[in-house]
PDB file of N, CA and C in Angstrom:
ATOM      1  N   MET A   1      39.429  14.004   4.507  1.00  0.00           N
ATOM      2  CA  MET A   1      38.447  12.831   4.794  1.00  0.00           C
ATOM      3  C   MET A   1      37.072  13.659   4.319  1.00  0.00           C
ATOM      4  N   LYS A   2      36.820  13.124   3.387  1.00  0.00           N
ATOM      5  CA  LYS A   2      35.239  13.717   2.653  1.00  0.00           C
ATOM      6  C   LYS A   2      33.859  13.766   3.777  1.00  0.00           C
ATOM      7  N   PRO A   3      33.046  13.582   4.301  1.00  0.00           N
ATOM      8  CA  PRO A   3      32.069  13.435   4.913  1.00  0.00           C
ATOM      9  C   PRO A   3      31.257  12.325   5.032  1.00  0.00           C
ATOM     10  N   LEU A   4      31.012  11.271   5.502  1.00  0.00           N
ATOM     11  CA  LEU A   4      30.470  10.440   5.094  1.00  0.00           C
ATOM     12  C   LEU A   4      29.012  10.234   4.348  1.00  0.00           C
ATOM     13  N   ASN A   5      28.467  10.887   4.129  1.00  0.00           N
ATOM     14  CA  ASN A   5      27.568  11.263   2.575  1.00  0.00           C
ATOM     15  C   ASN A   5      28.184  11.232   1.151  1.00  0.00           C
ATOM     16  N   TYR A   6      28.990  12.015   1.831  1.00  0.00           N
ATOM     17  CA  TYR A   6      29.886  12.361   0.357  1.00  0.00           C
ATOM     18  C   TYR A   6      30.409  11.040  -0.111  1.00  0.00           C
ATOM     19  N   ALA A   7      31.425  10.266   1.115  1.00  0.00           N
ATOM     20  CA  ALA A   7      31.773   9.132   0.530  1.00  0.00           C
ATOM     21  C   ALA A   7      30.665   8.099  -0.445  1.00  0.00           C
ATOM     22  N   ILE A   8      29.670   7.884   0.271  1.00  0.00           N
ATOM     23  CA  ILE A   8      28.448   7.165  -0.271  1.00  0.00           C
ATOM     24  C   ILE A   8      28.332   7.684  -1.336  1.00  0.00           C
ATOM     25  N   LEU A   9      27.725   8.789  -1.588  1.00  0.00           N
ATOM     26  CA  LEU A   9      27.650   9.464  -2.961  1.00  0.00           C
ATOM     27  C   LEU A   9      28.804   8.961  -4.166  1.00  0.00           C
ATOM     28  N   ASN A  10      29.847   9.159  -3.380  1.00  0.00           N
ATOM     29  CA  ASN A  10      31.212   9.249  -4.375  1.00  0.00           C
ATOM     30  C   ASN A  10      31.498   7.382  -5.104  1.00  0.00           C
ATOM     31  N   TYR A  11      30.931   6.411  -3.794  1.00  0.00           N
ATOM     32  CA  TYR A  11      31.400   5.092  -4.261  1.00  0.00           C
ATOM     33  C   TYR A  11      30.562   4.784  -4.908  1.00  0.00           C
ATOM     34  N   PHE A  12      28.996   5.310  -5.457  1.00  0.00           N
ATOM     35  CA  PHE A  12      28.287   5.326  -6.514  1.00  0.00           C
ATOM     36  C   PHE A  12      28.411   5.456  -7.625  1.00  0.00           C
ATOM     37  N   THR A  13      29.498   6.304  -7.973  1.00  0.00           N
ATOM     38  CA  THR A  13      30.286   7.018  -9.386  1.00  0.00           C
ATOM     39  C   THR A  13      31.089   5.378  -9.433  1.00  0.00           C
ATOM     40  N   LYS A  14      31.741   4.672  -8.776  1.00  0.00           N
ATOM     41  CA  LYS A  14      32.692   3.811  -9.608  1.00  0.00           C
ATOM     42  C   LYS A  14      32.035   2.404  -9.044  1.00  0.00           C
ATOM     43  N   VAL A  15      30.380   1.971  -8.979  1.00  0.00           N
ATOM     44  CA  VAL A  15      30.086   0.771  -9.434  1.00  0.00           C
ATOM     45  C   VAL A  15      28.881   0.767  -9.829  1.00  0.00           C
ATOM     46  N   GLU A  16      28.295  -0.318 -10.535  1.00  0.00           N
ATOM     47  CA  GLU A  16      27.163  -0.427 -11.564  1.00  0.00           C
ATOM     48  C   GLU A  16      25.933  -0.429 -10.402  1.00  0.00           C
ATOM     49  N   LYS A  17      26.026  -0.754  -8.943  1.00  0.00           N
ATOM     50  CA  LYS A  17      24.951  -0.985  -8.551  1.00  0.00           C
ATOM     51  C   LYS A  17      25.707  -1.095  -7.088  1.00  0.00           C
ATOM     52  N   ALA A  18      24.819  -0.926  -5.698  1.00  0.00           N
ATOM     53  CA  ALA A  18      25.432  -1.555  -4.500  1.00  0.00           C
ATOM     54  C   ALA A  18      24.261  -1.166  -3.313  1.00  0.00           C
ATOM     55  N   SER A  19      23.875  -1.831  -2.172  1.00  0.00           N
ATOM     56  CA  SER A  19      23.519  -2.090  -1.046  1.00  0.00           C
ATOM     57  C   SER A  19      24.168  -1.898   0.081  1.00  0.00           C
ATOM     58  N   VAL A  20      23.617  -1.375   1.271  1.00  0.00           N
ATOM     59  CA  VAL A  20      24.252  -1.243   2.097  1.00  0.00           C
ATOM     60  C   VAL A  20      25.254  -1.948   2.645  1.00  0.00           C
ATOM     61  N   ARG A  21      24.875  -3.241   2.323  1.00  0.00           N
ATOM     62  CA  ARG A  21      26.348  -4.228   2.856  1.00  0.00           C
ATOM     63  C   ARG A  21      27.401  -4.060   2.486  1.00  0.00           C
ATOM     64  N   GLU A  22      27.521  -3.465   0.425  1.00  0.00           N
ATOM     65  CA  GLU A  22      28.728  -3.108   0.196  1.00  0.00           C
ATOM     66  C   GLU A  22      29.224  -1.862   0.560  1.00  0.00           C
ATOM     67  N   ILE A  23      28.258  -1.268   0.451  1.00  0.00           N
ATOM     68  CA  ILE A  23      28.991   0.418   1.124  1.00  0.00           C
ATOM     69  C   ILE A  23      29.625   0.171   2.675  1.00  0.00           C
ATOM     70  N   MET A  24      29.067  -0.656   3.089  1.00  0.00           N
ATOM     71  CA  MET A  24      29.604  -0.774   4.856  1.00  0.00           C
ATOM     72  C   MET A  24      31.219  -1.558   4.632  1.00  0.00           C
ATOM     73  N   GLU A  25      30.968  -2.298   3.273  1.00  0.00           N
ATOM     74  CA  GLU A  25      32.486  -3.128   3.829  1.00  0.00           C
ATOM     75  C   GLU A  25      33.401  -2.507   2.685  1.00  0.00           C
ATOM     76  N   GLU A  26      32.667  -1.369   1.929  1.00  0.00           N
ATOM     77  CA  GLU A  26      33.762  -0.801   1.279  1.00  0.00           C
ATOM     78  C   GLU A  26      34.492   0.301   2.027  1.00  0.00           C
ATOM     79  N   LEU A  27      33.501   0.934   3.025  1.00  0.00           N
ATOM     80  CA  LEU A  27      33.842   2.367   3.740  1.00  0.00           C
ATOM     81  C   LEU A  27      34.319   2.350   5.229  1.00  0.00           C
ATOM     82  N   LYS A  28      34.619   1.017   5.409  1.00  0.00           N
ATOM     83  CA  LYS A  28      34.507   0.918   6.822  1.00  0.00           C
ATOM     84  C   LYS A  28      35.762   0.924   7.757  1.00  0.00           C
ATOM     85  N   GLU A  29      36.811   0.734   6.689  1.00  0.00           N
ATOM     86  CA  GLU A  29      38.265   1.252   7.505  1.00  0.00           C
ATOM     87  C   GLU A  29      38.354   2.578   7.348  1.00  0.00           C
ATOM     88  N   GLU A  30      37.907   3.266   6.330  1.00  0.00           N
ATOM     89  CA  GLU A  30      37.978   4.929   6.651  1.00  0.00           C
ATOM     90  C   GLU A  30      37.295   5.473   7.534  1.00  0.00           C
ATOM     91  N   TYR A  31      35.790   4.822   8.329  1.00  0.00           N
ATOM     92  CA  TYR A  31      34.662   5.403   8.304  1.00  0.00           C
ATOM     93  C   TYR A  31      34.235   4.855   9.608  1.00  0.00           C
ATOM     94  N   GLY A  32      34.312   3.354   9.659  1.00  0.00           N
ATOM     95  CA  GLY A  32      33.904   2.375  10.678  1.00  0.00           C
ATOM     96  C   GLY A  32      34.096   2.703  12.528  1.00  0.00           C
ATOM     97  N   ASN A  33      34.690   4.300  12.564  1.00  0.00           N
ATOM     98  CA  ASN A  33      34.991   4.881  14.234  1.00  0.00           C
ATOM     99  C   ASN A  33      33.764   5.848  13.831  1.00  0.00           C
ATOM    100  N   PHE A  34      33.323   6.196  13.107  1.00  0.00           N
ATOM    101  CA  PHE A  34      32.566   7.093  12.885  1.00  0.00           C
ATOM    102  C   PHE A  34      30.939   6.842  13.384  1.00  0.00           C
ATOM    103  N   LYS A  35      30.498   7.841  14.285  1.00  0.00           N
ATOM    104  CA  LYS A  35      28.966   7.862  14.917  1.00  0.00           C
ATOM    105  C   LYS A  35      28.168   7.256  14.123  1.00  0.00           C
ATOM    106  N   ALA A  36      27.884   8.221  12.823  1.00  0.00           N
ATOM    107  CA  ALA A  36      26.823   7.541  12.029  1.00  0.00           C
ATOM    108  C   ALA A  36      27.073   6.601  10.999  1.00  0.00           C
ATOM    109  N   PHE A  37      28.328   5.887  11.212  1.00  0.00           N
ATOM    110  CA  PHE A  37      28.807   4.714  10.448  1.00  0.00           C
ATOM    111  C   PHE A  37      27.672   3.722  10.891  1.00  0.00           C
ATOM    112  N   ASN A  38      26.647   3.255  10.696  1.00  0.00           N
ATOM    113  CA  ASN A  38      25.507   2.617  11.270  1.00  0.00           C
ATOM    114  C   ASN A  38      24.729   1.890   9.910  1.00  0.00           C
ATOM    115  N   LYS A  39      24.337   1.086   9.982  1.00  0.00           N
ATOM    116  CA  LYS A  39      22.965   0.815   8.935  1.00  0.00           C
ATOM    117  C   LYS A  39      22.360   1.630   8.822  1.00  0.00           C
ATOM    118  N   ASP A  40      21.326   2.128   9.928  1.00  0.00           N
ATOM    119  CA  ASP A  40      20.160   2.923   9.886  1.00  0.00           C
ATOM    120  C   ASP A  40      20.486   3.982   9.237  1.00  0.00           C
ATOM    121  N   SER A  41      21.757   4.820   9.584  1.00  0.00           N
ATOM    122  CA  SER A  41      22.398   5.953   9.094  1.00  0.00           C
ATOM    123  C   SER A  41      22.638   6.117   7.540  1.00  0.00           C
ATOM    124  N   ILE A  42      23.271   4.823   7.203  1.00  0.00           N
ATOM    125  CA  ILE A  42      23.448   4.774   5.641  1.00  0.00           C
ATOM    126  C   ILE A  42      21.938   4.625   4.927  1.00  0.00           C
ATOM    127  N   ILE A  43      21.327   4.130   5.500  1.00  0.00           N
ATOM    128  CA  ILE A  43      20.041   3.868   4.865  1.00  0.00           C
ATOM    129  C   ILE A  43      19.332   5.202   4.826  1.00  0.00           C
ATOM    130  N   THR A  44      19.548   5.808   5.835  1.00  0.00           N
ATOM    131  CA  THR A  44      18.763   7.292   5.619  1.00  0.00           C
ATOM    132  C   THR A  44      19.414   7.998   4.333  1.00  0.00           C
ATOM    133  N   ALA A  45      20.930   7.982   4.685  1.00  0.00           N
ATOM    134  CA  ALA A  45      21.468   8.864   3.629  1.00  0.00           C
ATOM    135  C   ALA A  45      21.326   8.383   2.140  1.00  0.00           C
ATOM    136  N   LEU A  46      20.829   6.859   2.211  1.00  0.00           N
ATOM    137  CA  LEU A  46      20.535   6.349   0.960  1.00  0.00           C
ATOM    138  C   LEU A  46      19.302   6.765   0.412  1.00  0.00           C
ATOM    139  N   MET A  47      18.367   6.709   1.199  1.00  0.00           N
ATOM    140  CA  MET A  47      16.646   6.811   0.984  1.00  0.00           C
ATOM    141  C   MET A  47      16.736   8.443   0.644  1.00  0.00           C
ATOM    142  N   THR A  48      18.030   9.640   1.518  1.00  0.00           N
ATOM    143  CA  THR A  48      17.986  10.950   1.361  1.00  0.00           C
ATOM    144  C   THR A  48      18.261  10.987  -0.304  1.00  0.00           C
ATOM    145  N   ALA A  49      19.589  10.340  -1.007  1.00  0.00           N
ATOM    146  CA  ALA A  49      20.069  10.684  -2.298  1.00  0.00           C
ATOM    147  C   ALA A  49      19.052  10.121  -3.006  1.00  0.00           C
ATOM    148  N   GLU A  50      18.015   9.160  -3.295  1.00  0.00           N
ATOM    149  CA  GLU A  50      17.033   8.720  -4.200  1.00  0.00           C
ATOM    150  C   GLU A  50      16.058  10.089  -4.013  1.00  0.00           C
ATOM    151  N   THR A  51      15.298  10.773  -2.776  1.00  0.00           N
ATOM    152  CA  THR A  51      14.445  11.623  -2.878  1.00  0.00           C
ATOM    153  C   THR A  51      14.932  12.784  -3.659  1.00  0.00           C
ATOM    154  N   ASN A  52      16.333  13.449  -3.394  1.00  0.00           N
ATOM    155  CA  ASN A  52      17.164  14.155  -4.631  1.00  0.00           C
ATOM    156  C   ASN A  52      17.339  13.741  -5.724  1.00  0.00           C
ATOM    157  N   GLY A  53      16.997  12.296  -5.975  1.00  0.00           N
ATOM    158  CA  GLY A  53      17.279  12.185  -7.394  1.00  0.00           C
ATOM    159  C   GLY A  53      18.655  11.588  -8.160  1.00  0.00           C
ATOM    160  N   LEU A  54      19.652  11.764  -6.817  1.00  0.00           N
ATOM    161  CA  LEU A  54      20.865  10.961  -7.162  1.00  0.00           C
ATOM    162  C   LEU A  54      20.755   9.634  -7.281  1.00  0.00           C
ATOM    163  N   ILE A  55      20.203   8.724  -7.060  1.00  0.00           N
ATOM    164  CA  ILE A  55      20.016   7.458  -7.075  1.00  0.00           C
ATOM    165  C   ILE A  55      18.967   6.463  -7.388  1.00  0.00           C
ATOM    166  N   GLU A  56      18.700   5.452  -7.780  1.00  0.00           N
ATOM    167  CA  GLU A  56      17.487   5.073  -8.174  1.00  0.00           C
ATOM    168  C   GLU A  56      17.265   3.304  -7.454  1.00  0.00           C
ATOM    169  N   GLU A  57      16.535   3.100  -6.612  1.00  0.00           N
ATOM    170  CA  GLU A  57      16.186   1.402  -6.511  1.00  0.00           C
ATOM    171  C   GLU A  57      16.157   1.057  -7.834  1.00  0.00           C
ATOM    172  N   ILE A  58      16.812  -0.081  -7.967  1.00  0.00           N
ATOM    173  CA  ILE A  58      16.787  -1.157  -8.796  1.00  0.00           C
ATOM    174  C   ILE A  58      16.638  -2.409  -8.885  1.00  0.00           C
ATOM    175  N   GLU A  59      16.890  -2.852  -7.437  1.00  0.00           N
ATOM    176  CA  GLU A  59      16.905  -4.470  -7.021  1.00  0.00           C
ATOM    177  C   GLU A  59      16.455  -4.769  -5.328  1.00  0.00           C
ATOM    178  N   ILE A  60      15.761  -5.603  -5.517  1.00  0.00           N
ATOM    179  CA  ILE A  60      15.350  -6.163  -3.863  1.00  0.00           C
ATOM    180  C   ILE A  60      15.753  -7.905  -3.874  1.00  0.00           C
ATOM    181  N   ASP A  61      16.042  -7.844  -3.426  1.00  0.00           N
ATOM    182  CA  ASP A  61      16.036  -9.324  -2.727  1.00  0.00           C
ATOM    183  C   ASP A  61      16.522  -9.840  -1.480  1.00  0.00           C
ATOM    184  N   LEU A  62      16.759 -10.884  -0.972  1.00  0.00           N
ATOM    185  CA  LEU A  62      17.016 -11.586   0.236  1.00  0.00           C
ATOM    186  C   LEU A  62      18.574 -12.271   0.660  1.00  0.00           C
ATOM    187  N   ASP A  63      18.483 -12.042   1.552  1.00  0.00           N
ATOM    188  CA  ASP A  63      20.048 -12.401   1.584  1.00  0.00           C
ATOM    189  C   ASP A  63      20.128 -13.582   2.208  1.00  0.00           C
ATOM    190  N   GLU A  64      21.324 -14.647   2.461  1.00  0.00           N
ATOM    191  CA  GLU A  64      21.422 -15.545   3.335  1.00  0.00           C
ATOM    192  C   GLU A  64      20.191 -15.630   4.629  1.00  0.00           C
ATOM    193  N   ASN A  65      20.388 -15.001   5.359  1.00  0.00           N
ATOM    194  CA  ASN A  65      19.856 -14.787   6.228  1.00  0.00           C
ATOM    195  C   ASN A  65      18.040 -14.066   6.172  1.00  0.00           C
ATOM    196  N   GLU A  66      17.984 -14.305   4.995  1.00  0.00           N
ATOM    197  CA  GLU A  66      16.381 -13.656   4.396  1.00  0.00           C
ATOM    198  C   GLU A  66      16.296 -12.368   5.309  1.00  0.00           C
ATOM    199  N   GLU A  67      17.355 -11.202   5.331  1.00  0.00           N
ATOM    200  CA  GLU A  67      17.448 -10.010   5.523  1.00  0.00           C
ATOM    201  C   GLU A  67      17.153  -9.261   3.985  1.00  0.00           C
ATOM    202  N   LEU A  68      16.261  -8.583   4.397  1.00  0.00           N
ATOM    203  CA  LEU A  68      16.160  -7.612   2.505  1.00  0.00           C
ATOM    204  C   LEU A  68      17.044  -6.204   2.409  1.00  0.00           C
ATOM    205  N   LEU A  69      17.714  -6.850   1.156  1.00  0.00           N
ATOM    206  CA  LEU A  69      18.839  -5.843   0.492  1.00  0.00           C
ATOM    207  C   LEU A  69      17.966  -5.036  -0.857  1.00  0.00           C
ATOM    208  N   ILE A  70      18.504  -3.956  -0.584  1.00  0.00           N
ATOM    209  CA  ILE A  70      18.113  -2.728  -1.425  1.00  0.00           C
ATOM    210  C   ILE A  70      18.784  -2.521  -2.081  1.00  0.00           C
ATOM    211  N   PHE A  71      19.194  -2.757  -3.295  1.00  0.00           N
ATOM    212  CA  PHE A  71      20.040  -2.243  -4.152  1.00  0.00           C
ATOM    213  C   PHE A  71      19.813  -0.969  -4.977  1.00  0.00           C
ATOM    214  N   TYR A  72      20.846   0.369  -5.094  1.00  0.00           N
ATOM    215  CA  TYR A  72      20.541   1.243  -5.449  1.00  0.00           C
ATOM    216  C   TYR A  72      21.536   1.582  -6.750  1.00  0.00           C
ATOM    217  N   HIS A  73      20.978   2.256  -7.592  1.00  0.00           N
ATOM    218  CA  HIS A  73      21.868   2.381  -8.949  1.00  0.00           C
ATOM    219  C   HIS A  73      22.386   3.912  -9.182  1.00  0.00           C
ATOM    220  N   MET A  74      23.408   4.469  -9.707  1.00  0.00           N
ATOM    221  CA  MET A  74      23.553   6.076  -9.936  1.00  0.00           C
ATOM    222  C   MET A  74      23.687   6.000 -11.617  1.00  0.00           C
ATOM    223  N   ASN A  75      22.781   6.718 -12.022  1.00  0.00           N
ATOM    224  CA  ASN A  75      22.574   6.788 -13.726  1.00  0.00           C
ATOM    225  C   ASN A  75      24.274   7.998 -13.956  1.00  0.00           C
ATOM    226  N   ASP A  76      24.271   7.667 -15.285  1.00  0.00           N
ATOM    227  CA  ASP A  76      25.546   8.503 -15.607  1.00  0.00           C
ATOM    228  C   ASP A  76      25.416  10.638 -15.322  1.00  0.00           C
ATOM    229  N   GLU A  77      24.412  10.599 -15.453  1.00  0.00           N
ATOM    230  CA  GLU A  77      24.008  12.213 -15.150  1.00  0.00           C
ATOM    231  C   GLU A  77      24.148  12.869 -13.755  1.00  0.00           C
ATOM    232  N   SER A  78      24.124  11.762 -12.815  1.00  0.00           N
ATOM    233  CA  SER A  78      24.405  11.417 -11.748  1.00  0.00           C
ATOM    234  C   SER A  78      25.642  12.046 -11.043  1.00  0.00           C
ATOM    235  N   LYS A  79      26.753  10.986 -12.026  1.00  0.00           N
ATOM    236  CA  LYS A  79      27.593  10.358 -12.066  1.00  0.00           C
ATOM    237  C   LYS A  79      28.702  11.839 -12.265  1.00  0.00           C
ATOM    238  N   GLU A  80      28.074  12.415 -13.191  1.00  0.00           N
ATOM    239  CA  GLU A  80      29.039  13.176 -13.376  1.00  0.00           C
ATOM    240  C   GLU A  80      28.638  14.288 -12.734  1.00  0.00           C
ATOM    241  N   THR A  81      27.582  14.645 -12.183  1.00  0.00           N
ATOM    242  CA  THR A  81      27.089  15.689 -11.086  1.00  0.00           C
ATOM    243  C   THR A  81      27.735  15.598  -9.653  1.00  0.00           C
ATOM    244  N   ILE A  82      28.039  14.403  -9.358  1.00  0.00           N
ATOM    245  CA  ILE A  82      28.567  14.497  -7.969  1.00  0.00           C
ATOM    246  C   ILE A  82      30.090  14.766  -8.025  1.00  0.00           C
ATOM    247  N   ASN A  83      30.602  13.668  -9.772  1.00  0.00           N
ATOM    248  CA  ASN A  83      32.115  13.954  -9.668  1.00  0.00           C
ATOM    249  C   ASN A  83      32.463  15.460  -9.654  1.00  0.00           C
ATOM    250  N   MET A  84      31.610  16.035 -10.437  1.00  0.00           N
ATOM    251  CA  MET A  84      31.967  17.803 -11.086  1.00  0.00           C
ATOM    252  C   MET A  84      31.714  18.741  -9.264  1.00  0.00           C
ATOM    253  N   PHE A  85      31.071  18.288  -8.479  1.00  0.00           N
ATOM    254  CA  PHE A  85      30.899  18.747  -7.164  1.00  0.00           C
ATOM    255  C   PHE A  85      31.985  18.344  -5.979  1.00  0.00           C
ATOM    256  N   ILE A  86      31.845  16.925  -6.092  1.00  0.00           N
ATOM    257  CA  ILE A  86      32.585  16.185  -4.848  1.00  0.00           C
ATOM    258  C   ILE A  86      33.819  15.370  -5.140  1.00  0.00           C
ATOM    259  N   GLY A  87      33.927  14.916  -6.283  1.00  0.00           N
ATOM    260  CA  GLY A  87      35.422  14.913  -7.088  1.00  0.00           C
ATOM    261  C   GLY A  87      35.915  13.541  -5.991  1.00  0.00           C
ATOM    262  N   GLU A  88      37.144  13.103  -6.635  1.00  0.00           N
ATOM    263  CA  GLU A  88      37.711  12.099  -5.580  1.00  0.00           C
ATOM    264  C   GLU A  88      38.031  12.131  -4.485  1.00  0.00           C
TER     265      GLU A  88
END
């Protein structure tokens, strides 16, 4: 099993965009018991990936509860880099 941060980055190689909500839904079965599997830790991982140029913020919206949703996207160059170093 990959570290959670790797799984998050790997997820972005397979989708056009995602927010914390989609990431948690997708990884819940495999990582749901991890201590770091919570919204705040995943937001920190996303912000770190953005700071390192691996993903970029592309959309901001409000959900049905008026909670902020930030969507991120990984460009093709970053996808190639992640696939080369992390892989499936």
